[in-house]
Amino acid sequence: MTEDRPYHHGDLPRALLAGAAEIVAERGPAALSLRDLARRTGVSHAAPAHHFGDKTGLFTALATEGFTLLAAALGGPPSGLRDLGRRYVAFALDHPSHFAIMYRRDLVHTDDPALTAAKQDAYAPLRAAVGGDDEDAVLAAWSLAHGYATLALAGAVPGDAARFPDIARAAKSLGA
């Protein structure tokens, strides 16, 4: 290893994911290259591929981490759908790089078991709050929260982006 690439010890996969999140935040997912990530992290150019296989594997790990963080953000006793909506928007604003990758089926291995499990864990609080069996209501509530978060990240929500509409009333008005 050369002096400009010091030996990296500790949790290298975690450091690579953090570096990937930084690159996505700065320049978007299309700008990420494993070679650039290795340079930024201070490791050999082969290190990201060793841990994640390829760029899709790296994005899959980043999305899995995002859904795990989302599950934690939505966990705990909610005080209704509006509270879950606020938590969802807060997660998106706090983790925009993860949010940018999590729903991009073209960037991840959609059949990855860890990703599938993390998604299920993240959606469990919403299903529980809606009542579990009404998939249309779950989809309507999720769509409202996701759409609001997307608008907030784009700067299209006037005023305080943490403000969140009454999602239960909005979902009911959609017939959910």
N, C-alpha and C. Protein backbone atom coordinates (compact mmCIF):
# COMPACT_ATOMS: atom_id res chain seq x y z
N MET A 1 0.85 -1.16 0.00
CA MET A 1 0.00 0.00 0.00
C MET A 1 0.90 1.23 0.00
N THR A 2 0.58 2.23 -0.79
CA THR A 2 1.38 3.44 -0.85
C THR A 2 1.00 4.38 0.29
N GLU A 3 1.82 5.43 0.51
CA GLU A 3 1.55 6.34 1.61
C GLU A 3 0.26 7.12 1.42
N ASP A 4 -0.14 7.39 0.17
CA ASP A 4 -1.40 8.11 -0.02
C ASP A 4 -2.61 7.18 0.12
N ARG A 5 -2.37 5.89 0.29
CA ARG A 5 -3.44 4.93 0.56
C ARG A 5 -3.08 4.15 1.82
N PRO A 6 -3.33 4.74 2.99
CA PRO A 6 -2.95 4.05 4.22
C PRO A 6 -3.77 2.79 4.42
N TYR A 7 -3.18 1.89 5.20
CA TYR A 7 -3.91 0.68 5.52
C TYR A 7 -5.19 1.06 6.24
N HIS A 8 -6.30 0.52 5.81
CA HIS A 8 -7.60 0.84 6.40
C HIS A 8 -8.04 -0.32 7.29
N HIS A 9 -8.18 -0.04 8.55
CA HIS A 9 -8.66 -1.09 9.45
C HIS A 9 -10.00 -0.68 10.01
N GLY A 10 -10.63 -1.59 10.70
CA GLY A 10 -11.96 -1.30 11.22
C GLY A 10 -13.02 -1.87 10.31
N ASP A 11 -14.11 -1.17 10.20
CA ASP A 11 -15.26 -1.64 9.44
C ASP A 11 -15.22 -1.07 8.03
N LEU A 12 -14.46 -1.69 7.16
CA LEU A 12 -14.30 -1.17 5.80
C LEU A 12 -15.60 -1.16 5.01
N PRO A 13 -16.44 -2.19 5.07
CA PRO A 13 -17.71 -2.10 4.34
C PRO A 13 -18.54 -0.89 4.78
N ARG A 14 -18.55 -0.61 6.07
CA ARG A 14 -19.28 0.55 6.59
C ARG A 14 -18.68 1.85 6.05
N ALA A 15 -17.36 1.93 6.02
CA ALA A 15 -16.68 3.13 5.49
C ALA A 15 -16.98 3.30 4.01
N LEU A 16 -17.02 2.20 3.27
CA LEU A 16 -17.33 2.28 1.84
C LEU A 16 -18.77 2.73 1.62
N LEU A 17 -19.70 2.23 2.43
CA LEU A 17 -21.09 2.66 2.31
C LEU A 17 -21.24 4.14 2.63
N ALA A 18 -20.53 4.60 3.66
CA ALA A 18 -20.58 6.03 4.01
C ALA A 18 -20.01 6.87 2.87
N GLY A 19 -18.91 6.41 2.28
CA GLY A 19 -18.33 7.13 1.14
C GLY A 19 -19.26 7.14 -0.05
N ALA A 20 -19.93 6.02 -0.30
CA ALA A 20 -20.89 5.95 -1.40
C ALA A 20 -22.04 6.92 -1.17
N ALA A 21 -22.52 6.99 0.07
CA ALA A 21 -23.62 7.92 0.39
C ALA A 21 -23.19 9.36 0.15
N GLU A 22 -21.95 9.68 0.48
CA GLU A 22 -21.43 11.03 0.23
C GLU A 22 -21.40 11.35 -1.26
N ILE A 23 -20.92 10.41 -2.05
CA ILE A 23 -20.84 10.63 -3.50
C ILE A 23 -22.25 10.80 -4.08
N VAL A 24 -23.17 9.96 -3.67
CA VAL A 24 -24.56 10.07 -4.16
C VAL A 24 -25.13 11.43 -3.77
N ALA A 25 -24.86 11.88 -2.55
CA ALA A 25 -25.38 13.18 -2.10
C ALA A 25 -24.78 14.33 -2.92
N GLU A 26 -23.53 14.20 -3.25
CA GLU A 26 -22.83 15.27 -3.98
C GLU A 26 -23.18 15.30 -5.46
N ARG A 27 -23.21 14.10 -6.08
CA ARG A 27 -23.29 14.08 -7.55
C ARG A 27 -24.34 13.13 -8.12
N GLY A 28 -25.05 12.42 -7.26
CA GLY A 28 -26.07 11.49 -7.73
C GLY A 28 -25.52 10.10 -7.96
N PRO A 29 -26.41 9.11 -8.05
CA PRO A 29 -25.98 7.71 -8.20
C PRO A 29 -25.20 7.44 -9.48
N ALA A 30 -25.52 8.12 -10.56
CA ALA A 30 -24.84 7.86 -11.84
C ALA A 30 -23.36 8.21 -11.77
N ALA A 31 -22.99 9.13 -10.89
CA ALA A 31 -21.60 9.58 -10.81
C ALA A 31 -20.72 8.65 -9.98
N LEU A 32 -21.30 7.69 -9.29
CA LEU A 32 -20.50 6.83 -8.44
C LEU A 32 -19.74 5.80 -9.26
N SER A 33 -18.45 5.71 -9.00
CA SER A 33 -17.65 4.62 -9.57
C SER A 33 -16.90 3.96 -8.43
N LEU A 34 -16.68 2.68 -8.54
CA LEU A 34 -15.98 1.96 -7.48
C LEU A 34 -14.55 2.47 -7.32
N ARG A 35 -13.94 2.84 -8.43
CA ARG A 35 -12.56 3.36 -8.38
C ARG A 35 -12.51 4.69 -7.62
N ASP A 36 -13.46 5.58 -7.91
CA ASP A 36 -13.54 6.87 -7.21
C ASP A 36 -13.83 6.65 -5.73
N LEU A 37 -14.72 5.71 -5.43
CA LEU A 37 -15.05 5.40 -4.04
C LEU A 37 -13.81 4.89 -3.30
N ALA A 38 -13.05 4.02 -3.93
CA ALA A 38 -11.82 3.50 -3.31
C ALA A 38 -10.83 4.63 -3.05
N ARG A 39 -10.67 5.51 -4.01
CA ARG A 39 -9.75 6.64 -3.86
C ARG A 39 -10.21 7.51 -2.69
N ARG A 40 -11.49 7.81 -2.64
CA ARG A 40 -12.04 8.67 -1.59
C ARG A 40 -11.88 8.02 -0.21
N THR A 41 -12.03 6.71 -0.15
CA THR A 41 -11.96 5.99 1.12
C THR A 41 -10.53 5.69 1.52
N GLY A 42 -9.61 5.80 0.58
CA GLY A 42 -8.20 5.57 0.88
C GLY A 42 -7.81 4.11 0.89
N VAL A 43 -8.44 3.32 0.01
CA VAL A 43 -8.14 1.90 -0.08
C VAL A 43 -7.80 1.54 -1.52
N SER A 44 -7.37 0.32 -1.72
CA SER A 44 -7.04 -0.12 -3.08
C SER A 44 -8.29 -0.11 -3.94
N HIS A 45 -8.09 0.02 -5.24
CA HIS A 45 -9.24 0.07 -6.14
C HIS A 45 -10.04 -1.23 -6.15
N ALA A 46 -9.44 -2.32 -5.68
CA ALA A 46 -10.13 -3.60 -5.64
C ALA A 46 -10.99 -3.79 -4.39
N ALA A 47 -10.80 -2.97 -3.38
CA ALA A 47 -11.49 -3.17 -2.10
C ALA A 47 -13.02 -3.10 -2.23
N PRO A 48 -13.60 -2.10 -2.90
CA PRO A 48 -15.07 -2.09 -3.01
C PRO A 48 -15.62 -3.34 -3.70
N ALA A 49 -14.96 -3.77 -4.76
CA ALA A 49 -15.41 -4.97 -5.48
C ALA A 49 -15.27 -6.20 -4.59
N HIS A 50 -14.22 -6.24 -3.79
CA HIS A 50 -14.03 -7.37 -2.88
C HIS A 50 -15.20 -7.49 -1.92
N HIS A 51 -15.70 -6.38 -1.41
CA HIS A 51 -16.77 -6.40 -0.42
C HIS A 51 -18.18 -6.47 -1.02
N PHE A 52 -18.37 -5.85 -2.19
CA PHE A 52 -19.72 -5.73 -2.74
C PHE A 52 -19.89 -6.35 -4.12
N GLY A 53 -18.82 -6.81 -4.73
CA GLY A 53 -18.90 -7.44 -6.05
C GLY A 53 -18.85 -6.42 -7.17
N ASP A 54 -19.84 -5.58 -7.23
CA ASP A 54 -19.90 -4.57 -8.28
C ASP A 54 -20.73 -3.39 -7.78
N LYS A 55 -20.94 -2.43 -8.64
CA LYS A 55 -21.70 -1.23 -8.28
C LYS A 55 -23.12 -1.58 -7.86
N THR A 56 -23.74 -2.54 -8.52
CA THR A 56 -25.09 -2.96 -8.16
C THR A 56 -25.10 -3.57 -6.77
N GLY A 57 -24.08 -4.35 -6.44
CA GLY A 57 -23.97 -4.92 -5.10
C GLY A 57 -23.80 -3.84 -4.04
N LEU A 58 -23.01 -2.82 -4.37
CA LEU A 58 -22.82 -1.69 -3.45
C LEU A 58 -24.15 -0.96 -3.25
N PHE A 59 -24.87 -0.68 -4.33
CA PHE A 59 -26.16 0.00 -4.21
C PHE A 59 -27.18 -0.87 -3.46
N THR A 60 -27.11 -2.18 -3.65
CA THR A 60 -28.00 -3.08 -2.92
C THR A 60 -27.74 -2.98 -1.42
N ALA A 61 -26.47 -2.96 -1.05
CA ALA A 61 -26.11 -2.82 0.37
C ALA A 61 -26.55 -1.47 0.91
N LEU A 62 -26.40 -0.41 0.12
CA LEU A 62 -26.82 0.92 0.55
C LEU A 62 -28.34 0.98 0.71
N ALA A 63 -29.08 0.37 -0.21
CA ALA A 63 -30.54 0.33 -0.11
C ALA A 63 -30.97 -0.50 1.10
N THR A 64 -30.31 -1.62 1.33
CA THR A 64 -30.62 -2.46 2.49
C THR A 64 -30.40 -1.68 3.77
N GLU A 65 -29.28 -0.98 3.84
CA GLU A 65 -29.01 -0.15 5.01
C GLU A 65 -30.10 0.93 5.15
N GLY A 66 -30.52 1.51 4.04
CA GLY A 66 -31.56 2.52 4.07
C GLY A 66 -32.87 1.98 4.62
N PHE A 67 -33.30 0.80 4.16
CA PHE A 67 -34.54 0.22 4.66
C PHE A 67 -34.41 -0.15 6.14
N THR A 68 -33.23 -0.58 6.55
CA THR A 68 -33.00 -0.87 7.97
C THR A 68 -33.12 0.40 8.80
N LEU A 69 -32.53 1.48 8.31
CA LEU A 69 -32.65 2.77 9.00
C LEU A 69 -34.10 3.26 9.01
N LEU A 70 -34.81 3.05 7.90
CA LEU A 70 -36.21 3.45 7.83
C LEU A 70 -37.04 2.66 8.83
N ALA A 71 -36.80 1.37 8.94
CA ALA A 71 -37.53 0.54 9.92
C ALA A 71 -37.30 1.06 11.32
N ALA A 72 -36.07 1.44 11.63
CA ALA A 72 -35.77 1.99 12.95
C ALA A 72 -36.48 3.33 13.16
N ALA A 73 -36.52 4.16 12.11
CA ALA A 73 -37.18 5.46 12.21
C ALA A 73 -38.69 5.31 12.39
N LEU A 74 -39.27 4.30 11.79
CA LEU A 74 -40.72 4.10 11.88
C LEU A 74 -41.11 3.25 13.09
N GLY A 75 -40.12 2.62 13.71
CA GLY A 75 -40.40 1.76 14.85
C GLY A 75 -40.84 2.54 16.07
N GLY A 76 -41.20 1.81 17.07
CA GLY A 76 -41.71 2.45 18.27
C GLY A 76 -43.19 2.72 18.13
N PRO A 77 -43.80 3.09 19.21
CA PRO A 77 -45.26 3.29 19.17
C PRO A 77 -45.65 4.56 18.43
N PRO A 78 -46.27 4.41 17.26
CA PRO A 78 -46.71 5.60 16.53
C PRO A 78 -48.01 6.13 17.10
N SER A 79 -48.25 7.38 16.86
CA SER A 79 -49.53 7.95 17.29
C SER A 79 -50.40 8.17 16.05
N GLY A 80 -50.42 7.18 15.17
CA GLY A 80 -51.26 7.24 13.99
C GLY A 80 -50.47 7.40 12.71
N LEU A 81 -51.23 7.45 11.63
CA LEU A 81 -50.61 7.55 10.30
C LEU A 81 -49.87 8.86 10.09
N ARG A 82 -50.40 9.94 10.62
CA ARG A 82 -49.72 11.23 10.46
C ARG A 82 -48.33 11.18 11.08
N ASP A 83 -48.21 10.57 12.24
CA ASP A 83 -46.92 10.43 12.90
C ASP A 83 -45.97 9.60 12.04
N LEU A 84 -46.47 8.48 11.49
CA LEU A 84 -45.63 7.66 10.61
C LEU A 84 -45.21 8.44 9.38
N GLY A 85 -46.13 9.24 8.82
CA GLY A 85 -45.78 10.07 7.67
C GLY A 85 -44.67 11.05 8.00
N ARG A 86 -44.77 11.68 9.15
CA ARG A 86 -43.72 12.61 9.58
C ARG A 86 -42.39 11.90 9.73
N ARG A 87 -42.43 10.72 10.33
CA ARG A 87 -41.18 9.96 10.50
C ARG A 87 -40.58 9.57 9.15
N TYR A 88 -41.43 9.20 8.21
CA TYR A 88 -40.97 8.83 6.88
C TYR A 88 -40.30 10.02 6.20
N VAL A 89 -40.94 11.18 6.26
CA VAL A 89 -40.38 12.40 5.65
C VAL A 89 -39.08 12.77 6.36
N ALA A 90 -39.06 12.70 7.69
CA ALA A 90 -37.83 13.01 8.43
C ALA A 90 -36.70 12.08 8.02
N PHE A 91 -37.01 10.79 7.86
CA PHE A 91 -35.99 9.84 7.40
C PHE A 91 -35.43 10.27 6.04
N ALA A 92 -36.32 10.59 5.10
CA ALA A 92 -35.88 10.98 3.75
C ALA A 92 -35.00 12.22 3.80
N LEU A 93 -35.36 13.19 4.63
CA LEU A 93 -34.58 14.41 4.73
C LEU A 93 -33.24 14.17 5.43
N ASP A 94 -33.21 13.24 6.38
CA ASP A 94 -31.98 12.92 7.10
C ASP A 94 -31.06 12.00 6.32
N HIS A 95 -31.62 11.21 5.40
CA HIS A 95 -30.83 10.22 4.65
C HIS A 95 -31.14 10.30 3.15
N PRO A 96 -30.89 11.45 2.53
CA PRO A 96 -31.28 11.60 1.12
C PRO A 96 -30.55 10.66 0.17
N SER A 97 -29.33 10.29 0.48
CA SER A 97 -28.59 9.36 -0.40
C SER A 97 -29.22 7.98 -0.38
N HIS A 98 -29.55 7.52 0.79
CA HIS A 98 -30.22 6.21 0.89
C HIS A 98 -31.56 6.27 0.17
N PHE A 99 -32.31 7.32 0.42
CA PHE A 99 -33.63 7.48 -0.17
C PHE A 99 -33.54 7.48 -1.70
N ALA A 100 -32.46 8.07 -2.23
CA ALA A 100 -32.27 8.14 -3.68
C ALA A 100 -32.03 6.76 -4.31
N ILE A 101 -31.57 5.82 -3.52
CA ILE A 101 -31.23 4.48 -4.02
C ILE A 101 -32.31 3.45 -3.71
N MET A 102 -32.98 3.58 -2.58
CA MET A 102 -33.86 2.53 -2.05
C MET A 102 -34.95 2.08 -3.01
N TYR A 103 -35.48 2.98 -3.79
CA TYR A 103 -36.61 2.64 -4.66
C TYR A 103 -36.21 2.54 -6.13
N ARG A 104 -34.92 2.48 -6.40
CA ARG A 104 -34.42 2.39 -7.76
C ARG A 104 -34.15 0.94 -8.12
N ARG A 105 -35.16 0.27 -8.62
CA ARG A 105 -35.04 -1.15 -8.99
C ARG A 105 -33.96 -1.37 -10.04
N ASP A 106 -33.67 -0.34 -10.82
CA ASP A 106 -32.65 -0.47 -11.86
C ASP A 106 -31.23 -0.44 -11.30
N LEU A 107 -31.07 -0.10 -10.03
CA LEU A 107 -29.74 0.02 -9.44
C LEU A 107 -29.39 -1.11 -8.49
N VAL A 108 -30.37 -1.91 -8.07
CA VAL A 108 -30.13 -2.89 -7.02
C VAL A 108 -30.48 -4.30 -7.50
N HIS A 109 -30.00 -5.27 -6.74
CA HIS A 109 -30.39 -6.66 -6.95
C HIS A 109 -31.72 -6.84 -6.21
N THR A 110 -32.83 -6.76 -6.93
CA THR A 110 -34.16 -6.78 -6.31
C THR A 110 -34.47 -8.09 -5.60
N ASP A 111 -33.76 -9.16 -5.96
CA ASP A 111 -34.02 -10.46 -5.34
C ASP A 111 -33.09 -10.75 -4.17
N ASP A 112 -32.34 -9.77 -3.73
CA ASP A 112 -31.41 -9.96 -2.61
C ASP A 112 -32.20 -10.22 -1.33
N PRO A 113 -31.94 -11.34 -0.64
CA PRO A 113 -32.73 -11.68 0.56
C PRO A 113 -32.63 -10.64 1.68
N ALA A 114 -31.46 -10.07 1.89
CA ALA A 114 -31.32 -9.07 2.95
C ALA A 114 -32.12 -7.82 2.60
N LEU A 115 -32.12 -7.43 1.33
CA LEU A 115 -32.90 -6.27 0.90
C LEU A 115 -34.39 -6.55 1.07
N THR A 116 -34.84 -7.72 0.67
CA THR A 116 -36.25 -8.09 0.81
C THR A 116 -36.68 -8.06 2.27
N ALA A 117 -35.86 -8.61 3.15
CA ALA A 117 -36.20 -8.63 4.58
C ALA A 117 -36.23 -7.22 5.16
N ALA A 118 -35.27 -6.38 4.76
CA ALA A 118 -35.23 -5.01 5.27
C ALA A 118 -36.45 -4.22 4.81
N LYS A 119 -36.87 -4.44 3.56
CA LYS A 119 -38.09 -3.79 3.06
C LYS A 119 -39.30 -4.20 3.88
N GLN A 120 -39.43 -5.49 4.13
CA GLN A 120 -40.57 -5.99 4.90
C GLN A 120 -40.59 -5.39 6.30
N ASP A 121 -39.43 -5.29 6.93
CA ASP A 121 -39.33 -4.69 8.26
C ASP A 121 -39.73 -3.22 8.24
N ALA A 122 -39.35 -2.52 7.17
CA ALA A 122 -39.66 -1.09 7.07
C ALA A 122 -41.15 -0.85 6.85
N TYR A 123 -41.82 -1.73 6.14
CA TYR A 123 -43.23 -1.53 5.85
C TYR A 123 -44.16 -2.08 6.93
N ALA A 124 -43.63 -2.87 7.86
CA ALA A 124 -44.45 -3.46 8.91
C ALA A 124 -45.18 -2.41 9.75
N PRO A 125 -44.53 -1.32 10.18
CA PRO A 125 -45.27 -0.33 10.98
C PRO A 125 -46.42 0.32 10.20
N LEU A 126 -46.23 0.55 8.92
CA LEU A 126 -47.30 1.14 8.11
C LEU A 126 -48.46 0.16 7.98
N ARG A 127 -48.14 -1.10 7.70
CA ARG A 127 -49.20 -2.11 7.59
C ARG A 127 -49.98 -2.22 8.90
N ALA A 128 -49.26 -2.18 10.01
CA ALA A 128 -49.91 -2.28 11.32
C ALA A 128 -50.81 -1.07 11.58
N ALA A 129 -50.34 0.11 11.22
CA ALA A 129 -51.12 1.33 11.47
C ALA A 129 -52.37 1.39 10.60
N VAL A 130 -52.27 0.86 9.37
CA VAL A 130 -53.41 0.89 8.45
C VAL A 130 -54.40 -0.22 8.78
N GLY A 131 -53.90 -1.30 9.32
CA GLY A 131 -54.79 -2.41 9.64
C GLY A 131 -54.32 -3.70 9.00
N GLY A 132 -53.23 -3.65 8.27
CA GLY A 132 -52.59 -4.85 7.76
C GLY A 132 -53.14 -5.45 6.50
N ASP A 133 -54.43 -5.71 6.41
CA ASP A 133 -54.96 -6.45 5.27
C ASP A 133 -55.39 -5.59 4.10
N ASP A 134 -55.58 -4.31 4.31
CA ASP A 134 -56.07 -3.44 3.24
C ASP A 134 -54.88 -2.89 2.45
N GLU A 135 -54.43 -3.65 1.44
CA GLU A 135 -53.24 -3.26 0.67
C GLU A 135 -53.43 -1.95 -0.08
N ASP A 136 -54.67 -1.65 -0.50
CA ASP A 136 -54.92 -0.37 -1.17
C ASP A 136 -54.69 0.79 -0.22
N ALA A 137 -55.14 0.65 1.02
CA ALA A 137 -54.94 1.71 2.02
C ALA A 137 -53.45 1.85 2.36
N VAL A 138 -52.74 0.73 2.46
CA VAL A 138 -51.30 0.78 2.72
C VAL A 138 -50.59 1.51 1.58
N LEU A 139 -50.94 1.16 0.35
CA LEU A 139 -50.32 1.79 -0.80
C LEU A 139 -50.65 3.29 -0.86
N ALA A 140 -51.88 3.66 -0.56
CA ALA A 140 -52.26 5.07 -0.58
C ALA A 140 -51.50 5.86 0.48
N ALA A 141 -51.40 5.31 1.68
CA ALA A 141 -50.68 5.99 2.76
C ALA A 141 -49.20 6.11 2.43
N TRP A 142 -48.61 5.02 1.94
CA TRP A 142 -47.19 5.05 1.58
C TRP A 142 -46.96 6.04 0.44
N SER A 143 -47.83 6.05 -0.54
CA SER A 143 -47.69 6.96 -1.68
C SER A 143 -47.72 8.42 -1.24
N LEU A 144 -48.62 8.73 -0.31
CA LEU A 144 -48.69 10.11 0.17
C LEU A 144 -47.40 10.51 0.89
N ALA A 145 -46.94 9.63 1.77
CA ALA A 145 -45.71 9.94 2.51
C ALA A 145 -44.51 10.02 1.57
N HIS A 146 -44.42 9.07 0.65
CA HIS A 146 -43.28 9.03 -0.27
C HIS A 146 -43.30 10.24 -1.21
N GLY A 147 -44.47 10.56 -1.73
CA GLY A 147 -44.59 11.72 -2.61
C GLY A 147 -44.23 13.00 -1.89
N TYR A 148 -44.71 13.15 -0.66
CA TYR A 148 -44.40 14.34 0.12
C TYR A 148 -42.90 14.43 0.38
N ALA A 149 -42.27 13.29 0.75
CA ALA A 149 -40.83 13.27 1.00
C ALA A 149 -40.06 13.64 -0.27
N THR A 150 -40.48 13.12 -1.41
CA THR A 150 -39.82 13.42 -2.68
C THR A 150 -39.94 14.91 -3.01
N LEU A 151 -41.11 15.47 -2.81
CA LEU A 151 -41.30 16.91 -3.03
C LEU A 151 -40.46 17.73 -2.06
N ALA A 152 -40.41 17.31 -0.81
CA ALA A 152 -39.61 18.03 0.18
C ALA A 152 -38.13 18.01 -0.19
N LEU A 153 -37.62 16.86 -0.63
CA LEU A 153 -36.22 16.77 -1.03
C LEU A 153 -35.92 17.63 -2.25
N ALA A 154 -36.90 17.81 -3.11
CA ALA A 154 -36.72 18.63 -4.31
C ALA A 154 -36.90 20.12 -4.02
N GLY A 155 -37.22 20.45 -2.77
CA GLY A 155 -37.43 21.84 -2.41
C GLY A 155 -38.76 22.39 -2.88
N ALA A 156 -39.71 21.51 -3.17
CA ALA A 156 -40.99 21.94 -3.71
C ALA A 156 -42.08 22.10 -2.66
N VAL A 157 -41.74 21.85 -1.39
CA VAL A 157 -42.72 22.04 -0.32
C VAL A 157 -42.49 23.42 0.28
N PRO A 158 -43.48 24.31 0.17
CA PRO A 158 -43.30 25.64 0.74
C PRO A 158 -43.24 25.58 2.27
N GLY A 159 -42.42 26.41 2.83
CA GLY A 159 -42.32 26.47 4.29
C GLY A 159 -41.52 25.32 4.86
N ASP A 160 -41.96 24.85 6.01
CA ASP A 160 -41.27 23.81 6.75
C ASP A 160 -41.58 22.44 6.15
N ALA A 161 -40.56 21.79 5.61
CA ALA A 161 -40.76 20.49 4.98
C ALA A 161 -41.15 19.42 5.99
N ALA A 162 -40.87 19.64 7.28
CA ALA A 162 -41.22 18.66 8.29
C ALA A 162 -42.73 18.66 8.56
N ARG A 163 -43.40 19.70 8.14
CA ARG A 163 -44.85 19.76 8.27
C ARG A 163 -45.41 18.63 7.40
N PHE A 164 -46.42 17.98 7.88
CA PHE A 164 -46.95 16.85 7.10
C PHE A 164 -48.46 16.86 7.18
N PRO A 165 -49.14 16.66 6.06
CA PRO A 165 -50.61 16.70 6.06
C PRO A 165 -51.21 15.52 6.82
N ASP A 166 -52.47 15.62 7.11
CA ASP A 166 -53.18 14.54 7.78
C ASP A 166 -53.34 13.40 6.78
N ILE A 167 -52.44 12.44 6.85
CA ILE A 167 -52.37 11.37 5.87
C ILE A 167 -53.61 10.48 5.93
N ALA A 168 -54.17 10.29 7.13
CA ALA A 168 -55.37 9.45 7.24
C ALA A 168 -56.54 10.10 6.49
N ARG A 169 -56.72 11.42 6.65
CA ARG A 169 -57.80 12.09 5.95
C ARG A 169 -57.55 12.09 4.44
N ALA A 170 -56.30 12.29 4.05
CA ALA A 170 -55.97 12.30 2.63
C ALA A 170 -56.18 10.92 2.02
N ALA A 171 -55.78 9.88 2.72
CA ALA A 171 -55.97 8.52 2.20
C ALA A 171 -57.46 8.20 2.09
N LYS A 172 -58.24 8.65 3.06
CA LYS A 172 -59.69 8.41 3.02
C LYS A 172 -60.32 9.12 1.83
N SER A 173 -59.84 10.33 1.53
CA SER A 173 -60.39 11.07 0.41
C SER A 173 -60.07 10.40 -0.93
N LEU A 174 -59.01 9.58 -0.95
CA LEU A 174 -58.65 8.83 -2.15
C LEU A 174 -59.45 7.52 -2.24
N GLY A 175 -60.26 7.26 -1.24
CA GLY A 175 -61.05 6.05 -1.26
C GLY A 175 -60.34 4.87 -0.64
N ALA A 176 -59.22 5.14 0.04
CA ALA A 176 -58.48 4.05 0.67
C ALA A 176 -59.08 3.68 2.01
